[in-house]
C-alpha atoms as a PDB file:
ATOM      1  CA  MET A   1     116.916  39.902  13.470  1.00  0.00           C
ATOM      2  CA  GLN A   2     116.164  43.011  15.494  1.00  0.00           C
ATOM      3  CA  PHE A   3     112.435  42.308  15.327  1.00  0.00           C
ATOM      4  CA  TRP A   4     112.862  38.890  16.912  1.00  0.00           C
ATOM      5  CA  SER A   5     115.233  40.302  19.507  1.00  0.00           C
ATOM      6  CA  ASN A   6     112.698  42.920  20.557  1.00  0.00           C
ATOM      7  CA  LEU A   7     109.874  40.395  20.499  1.00  0.00           C
ATOM      8  CA  PHE A   8     111.728  37.890  22.728  1.00  0.00           C
ATOM      9  CA  ILE A   9     112.694  40.615  25.193  1.00  0.00           C
ATOM     10  CA  ALA A  10     109.120  41.964  25.298  1.00  0.00           C
ATOM     11  CA  VAL A  11     107.555  38.519  25.790  1.00  0.00           C
ATOM     12  CA  GLY A  12     110.149  37.600  28.431  1.00  0.00           C
ATOM     13  CA  SER A  13     109.603  40.837  30.302  1.00  0.00           C
ATOM     14  CA  ALA A  14     105.845  40.420  30.146  1.00  0.00           C
ATOM     15  CA  GLY A  15     106.319  36.911  31.516  1.00  0.00           C
ATOM     16  CA  MET A  16     108.329  38.284  34.451  1.00  0.00           C
ATOM     17  CA  PHE A  17     105.551  40.745  35.277  1.00  0.00           C
ATOM     18  CA  TYR A  18     102.998  37.977  35.068  1.00  0.00           C
ATOM     19  CA  TYR A  19     105.244  35.782  37.225  1.00  0.00           C
ATOM     20  CA  ALA A  20     105.392  38.524  39.889  1.00  0.00           C
ATOM     21  CA  PHE A  21     101.603  38.678  40.174  1.00  0.00           C
ATOM     22  CA  ARG A  22     100.606  35.066  39.517  1.00  0.00           C
ATOM     23  CA  PHE A  23     102.973  32.951  41.572  1.00  0.00           C
ATOM     24  CA  PRO A  24     103.449  33.164  45.320  1.00  0.00           C
ATOM     25  CA  PHE A  25     106.365  35.114  46.725  1.00  0.00           C
ATOM     26  CA  SER A  26     109.300  33.032  47.879  1.00  0.00           C
ATOM     27  CA  THR A  27     112.796  33.902  48.963  1.00  0.00           C
ATOM     28  CA  HIS A  28     114.358  30.915  47.226  1.00  0.00           C
ATOM     29  CA  LEU A  29     113.539  29.756  43.696  1.00  0.00           C
ATOM     30  CA  TRP A  30     113.835  26.055  44.571  1.00  0.00           C
ATOM     31  CA  GLU A  31     110.800  26.490  46.824  1.00  0.00           C
ATOM     32  CA  LEU A  32     108.771  27.072  43.654  1.00  0.00           C
ATOM     33  CA  LYS A  33     109.793  23.719  42.162  1.00  0.00           C
ATOM     34  CA  GLU A  34     107.654  21.808  44.664  1.00  0.00           C
ATOM     35  CA  SER A  35     104.684  24.159  44.533  1.00  0.00           C
ATOM     36  CA  PRO A  36     101.211  22.627  44.803  1.00  0.00           C
ATOM     37  CA  LYS A  37      99.019  22.121  41.743  1.00  0.00           C
ATOM     38  CA  GLU A  38      97.025  25.324  42.285  1.00  0.00           C
ATOM     39  CA  ASP A  39     100.257  27.324  41.983  1.00  0.00           C
ATOM     40  CA  LYS A  40     100.861  26.104  38.434  1.00  0.00           C
ATOM     41  CA  LEU A  41     100.041  27.854  35.166  1.00  0.00           C
ATOM     42  CA  PHE A  42      97.362  25.796  33.352  1.00  0.00           C
ATOM     43  CA  GLY A  43      98.212  23.022  35.792  1.00  0.00           C
ATOM     44  CA  LEU A  44     101.468  22.321  33.907  1.00  0.00           C
ATOM     45  CA  VAL A  45     104.221  24.894  34.508  1.00  0.00           C
ATOM     46  CA  ASN A  46     105.145  25.859  38.044  1.00  0.00           C
ATOM     47  CA  GLY A  47     106.681  29.174  39.030  1.00  0.00           C
ATOM     48  CA  TYR A  48     110.276  28.066  38.739  1.00  0.00           C
ATOM     49  CA  TYR A  49     110.021  26.911  35.133  1.00  0.00           C
ATOM     50  CA  PHE A  50     107.957  29.974  34.217  1.00  0.00           C
ATOM     51  CA  TRP A  51     110.694  32.169  35.701  1.00  0.00           C
ATOM     52  CA  LEU A  52     113.360  30.137  33.899  1.00  0.00           C
ATOM     53  CA  GLY A  53     111.564  30.401  30.534  1.00  0.00           C
ATOM     54  CA  SER A  54     111.050  34.135  30.877  1.00  0.00           C
ATOM     55  CA  TRP A  55     114.728  34.734  31.615  1.00  0.00           C
ATOM     56  CA  PHE A  56     115.710  32.465  28.719  1.00  0.00           C
ATOM     57  CA  LEU A  57     113.636  34.591  26.333  1.00  0.00           C
ATOM     58  CA  ILE A  58     115.147  37.812  27.689  1.00  0.00           C
ATOM     59  CA  LEU A  59     118.685  36.507  27.329  1.00  0.00           C
ATOM     60  CA  LEU A  60     118.052  35.049  23.888  1.00  0.00           C
ATOM     61  CA  GLY A  61     116.656  38.374  22.757  1.00  0.00           C
ATOM     62  CA  SER A  62     119.742  40.104  24.091  1.00  0.00           C
ATOM     63  CA  ILE A  63     122.139  37.768  22.288  1.00  0.00           C
ATOM     64  CA  LEU A  64     120.403  37.687  18.885  1.00  0.00           C
ATOM     65  CA  PRO A  65     121.693  41.082  17.703  1.00  0.00           C
ATOM     66  CA  LEU A  66     125.280  39.941  18.396  1.00  0.00           C
ATOM     67  CA  ILE A  67     125.123  36.963  16.003  1.00  0.00           C
ATOM     68  CA  PRO A  68     126.043  38.970  12.835  1.00  0.00           C
ATOM     69  CA  TYR A  69     129.095  40.379  14.599  1.00  0.00           C
ATOM     70  CA  LEU A  70     130.253  36.972  15.845  1.00  0.00           C
ATOM     71  CA  SER A  71     129.947  35.110  12.514  1.00  0.00           C
ATOM     72  CA  PRO A  72     133.168  34.779  10.499  1.00  0.00           C
ATOM     73  CA  LYS A  73     133.448  36.908   7.390  1.00  0.00           C
END
């Protein structure tokens, strides 16, 4: 379980670094939802959803180690 936790956190953090360099700077995240096609990763995922997916992986990786403690015994 710890391996997957560390992997999700590492991939999510790498995604946030990539997000910082790849997508244009904006002060509001909703501005990234309507970004033009050239501001999309592989023409499919815009900056907002890339940011959202990266944070999802970081949070999932943070919660995974807690599952054994939360399950009933």
